[in-house]
C-alpha atoms as a PDB file:
ATOM      1  CA  MET A   1       0.000   0.000   0.000  1.00  0.00           C
ATOM      2  CA  LYS A   2       2.759   2.443   0.868  1.00  0.00           C
ATOM      3  CA  ASP A   3       4.040   2.505  -2.697  1.00  0.00           C
ATOM      4  CA  ARG A   4       0.539   3.255  -4.079  1.00  0.00           C
ATOM      5  CA  ILE A   5      -0.906   5.829  -1.667  1.00  0.00           C
ATOM      6  CA  THR A   6       0.738   9.194  -1.117  1.00  0.00           C
ATOM      7  CA  ILE A   7       0.087  12.279   0.955  1.00  0.00           C
ATOM      8  CA  ASP A   8       1.604  15.489  -0.369  1.00  0.00           C
ATOM      9  CA  PRO A   9       0.553  18.911   0.922  1.00  0.00           C
ATOM     10  CA  LYS A  10       0.953  20.256  -2.635  1.00  0.00           C
ATOM     11  CA  ILE A  11      -1.505  17.770  -4.139  1.00  0.00           C
ATOM     12  CA  CYS A  12      -5.244  17.839  -3.327  1.00  0.00           C
ATOM     13  CA  HIS A  13      -4.619  19.855  -0.156  1.00  0.00           C
ATOM     14  CA  GLY A  14      -2.692  16.994   1.427  1.00  0.00           C
ATOM     15  CA  GLN A  15      -5.441  14.416   1.087  1.00  0.00           C
ATOM     16  CA  ALA A  16      -4.363  10.807   0.620  1.00  0.00           C
ATOM     17  CA  CYS A  17      -4.250  10.129  -3.134  1.00  0.00           C
ATOM     18  CA  ILE A  18      -3.311   7.312  -5.425  1.00  0.00           C
ATOM     19  CA  LYS A  19       0.343   7.880  -6.248  1.00  0.00           C
ATOM     20  CA  GLY A  20       0.970   9.650  -9.545  1.00  0.00           C
ATOM     21  CA  THR A  21      -2.636  10.878  -9.754  1.00  0.00           C
ATOM     22  CA  ARG A  22      -4.871  13.487  -8.227  1.00  0.00           C
ATOM     23  CA  ILE A  23      -7.469  10.845  -7.378  1.00  0.00           C
ATOM     24  CA  PRO A  24      -8.188  10.974  -3.651  1.00  0.00           C
ATOM     25  CA  VAL A  25      -8.547   7.727  -1.744  1.00  0.00           C
ATOM     26  CA  HIS A  26     -11.873   8.915  -0.333  1.00  0.00           C
ATOM     27  CA  GLN A  27     -13.323   9.263  -3.846  1.00  0.00           C
ATOM     28  CA  ILE A  28     -12.566   5.633  -4.657  1.00  0.00           C
ATOM     29  CA  LEU A  29     -13.962   4.481  -1.302  1.00  0.00           C
ATOM     30  CA  HIS A  30     -17.157   6.500  -1.738  1.00  0.00           C
ATOM     31  CA  MET A  31     -17.669   5.022  -5.186  1.00  0.00           C
ATOM     32  CA  LEU A  32     -17.186   1.492  -3.852  1.00  0.00           C
ATOM     33  CA  ALA A  33     -19.570   2.223  -0.971  1.00  0.00           C
ATOM     34  CA  ASN A  34     -22.158   3.444  -3.467  1.00  0.00           C
ATOM     35  CA  GLY A  35     -22.075   0.141  -5.326  1.00  0.00           C
ATOM     36  CA  ASP A  36     -19.455   0.649  -8.024  1.00  0.00           C
ATOM     37  CA  THR A  37     -17.347  -2.437  -8.656  1.00  0.00           C
ATOM     38  CA  ILE A  38     -13.596  -2.537  -8.994  1.00  0.00           C
ATOM     39  CA  ASP A  39     -14.012  -3.321 -12.694  1.00  0.00           C
ATOM     40  CA  GLU A  40     -16.268  -0.271 -13.148  1.00  0.00           C
ATOM     41  CA  LEU A  41     -13.698   1.929 -11.415  1.00  0.00           C
ATOM     42  CA  LEU A  42     -10.955   0.590 -13.657  1.00  0.00           C
ATOM     43  CA  GLU A  43     -13.074   1.514 -16.686  1.00  0.00           C
ATOM     44  CA  GLU A  44     -13.750   4.993 -15.327  1.00  0.00           C
ATOM     45  CA  PHE A  45     -10.118   5.599 -14.360  1.00  0.00           C
ATOM     46  CA  PRO A  46      -8.003   3.837 -17.024  1.00  0.00           C
ATOM     47  CA  SER A  47      -4.759   5.006 -15.410  1.00  0.00           C
ATOM     48  CA  LEU A  48      -5.506   2.940 -12.289  1.00  0.00           C
ATOM     49  CA  GLU A  49      -4.625  -0.668 -11.635  1.00  0.00           C
ATOM     50  CA  ARG A  50      -6.557  -3.127  -9.492  1.00  0.00           C
ATOM     51  CA  GLU A  51      -3.777  -2.900  -6.887  1.00  0.00           C
ATOM     52  CA  ASP A  52      -4.381   0.868  -6.571  1.00  0.00           C
ATOM     53  CA  ILE A  53      -8.000   0.282  -5.582  1.00  0.00           C
ATOM     54  CA  LEU A  54      -7.056  -2.508  -3.197  1.00  0.00           C
ATOM     55  CA  ALA A  55      -4.486  -0.154  -1.642  1.00  0.00           C
ATOM     56  CA  CYS A  56      -7.272   2.376  -1.018  1.00  0.00           C
ATOM     57  CA  ILE A  57      -9.268  -0.272   0.823  1.00  0.00           C
ATOM     58  CA  GLU A  58      -6.222  -1.321   2.822  1.00  0.00           C
ATOM     59  CA  TYR A  59      -5.483   2.326   3.681  1.00  0.00           C
ATOM     60  CA  ALA A  60      -9.030   2.775   5.010  1.00  0.00           C
ATOM     61  CA  ALA A  61      -8.806  -0.473   6.969  1.00  0.00           C
ATOM     62  CA  GLU A  62      -5.632   0.684   8.684  1.00  0.00           C
ATOM     63  CA  LEU A  63      -7.251   3.991   9.615  1.00  0.00           C
ATOM     64  CA  THR A  64     -10.139   2.204  11.288  1.00  0.00           C
ATOM     65  CA  GLU A  65      -8.104  -0.242  13.359  1.00  0.00           C
ATOM     66  CA  GLU A  66      -8.963   0.220  16.988  1.00  0.00           C
ATOM     67  CA  GLN A  67      -6.318   0.274  19.611  1.00  0.00           C
ATOM     68  CA  VAL A  68      -7.500  -1.644  22.610  1.00  0.00           C
ATOM     69  CA  THR A  69      -6.172  -0.658  26.002  1.00  0.00           C
ATOM     70  CA  PRO A  70      -6.465  -3.039  28.922  1.00  0.00           C
ATOM     71  CA  ASP A  71      -9.256  -2.335  31.393  1.00  0.00           C
ATOM     72  CA  LYS A  72      -7.629  -1.588  34.735  1.00  0.00           C
ATOM     73  CA  ALA A  73     -10.439  -3.425  36.510  1.00  0.00           C
ATOM     74  CA  LEU A  74      -9.427  -6.645  34.743  1.00  0.00           C
ATOM     75  CA  LEU A  75      -5.764  -6.409  35.725  1.00  0.00           C
END
């Protein structure tokens, strides 16, 4: 994922984008959430590869990982 997603303050106001494009990760995720398939996205964005879209999903998954701290009452 790290070689496909980039954050640059000079591109799209520092939003996470697919490397080498101005396509924000959130745009791809919104399209997937609205029912677009990976194949449809690849048709709409011919410069993308399947791995770019999968990297967007992985990026979002990492952002949502919860950090669990032990409950002091259980210790």
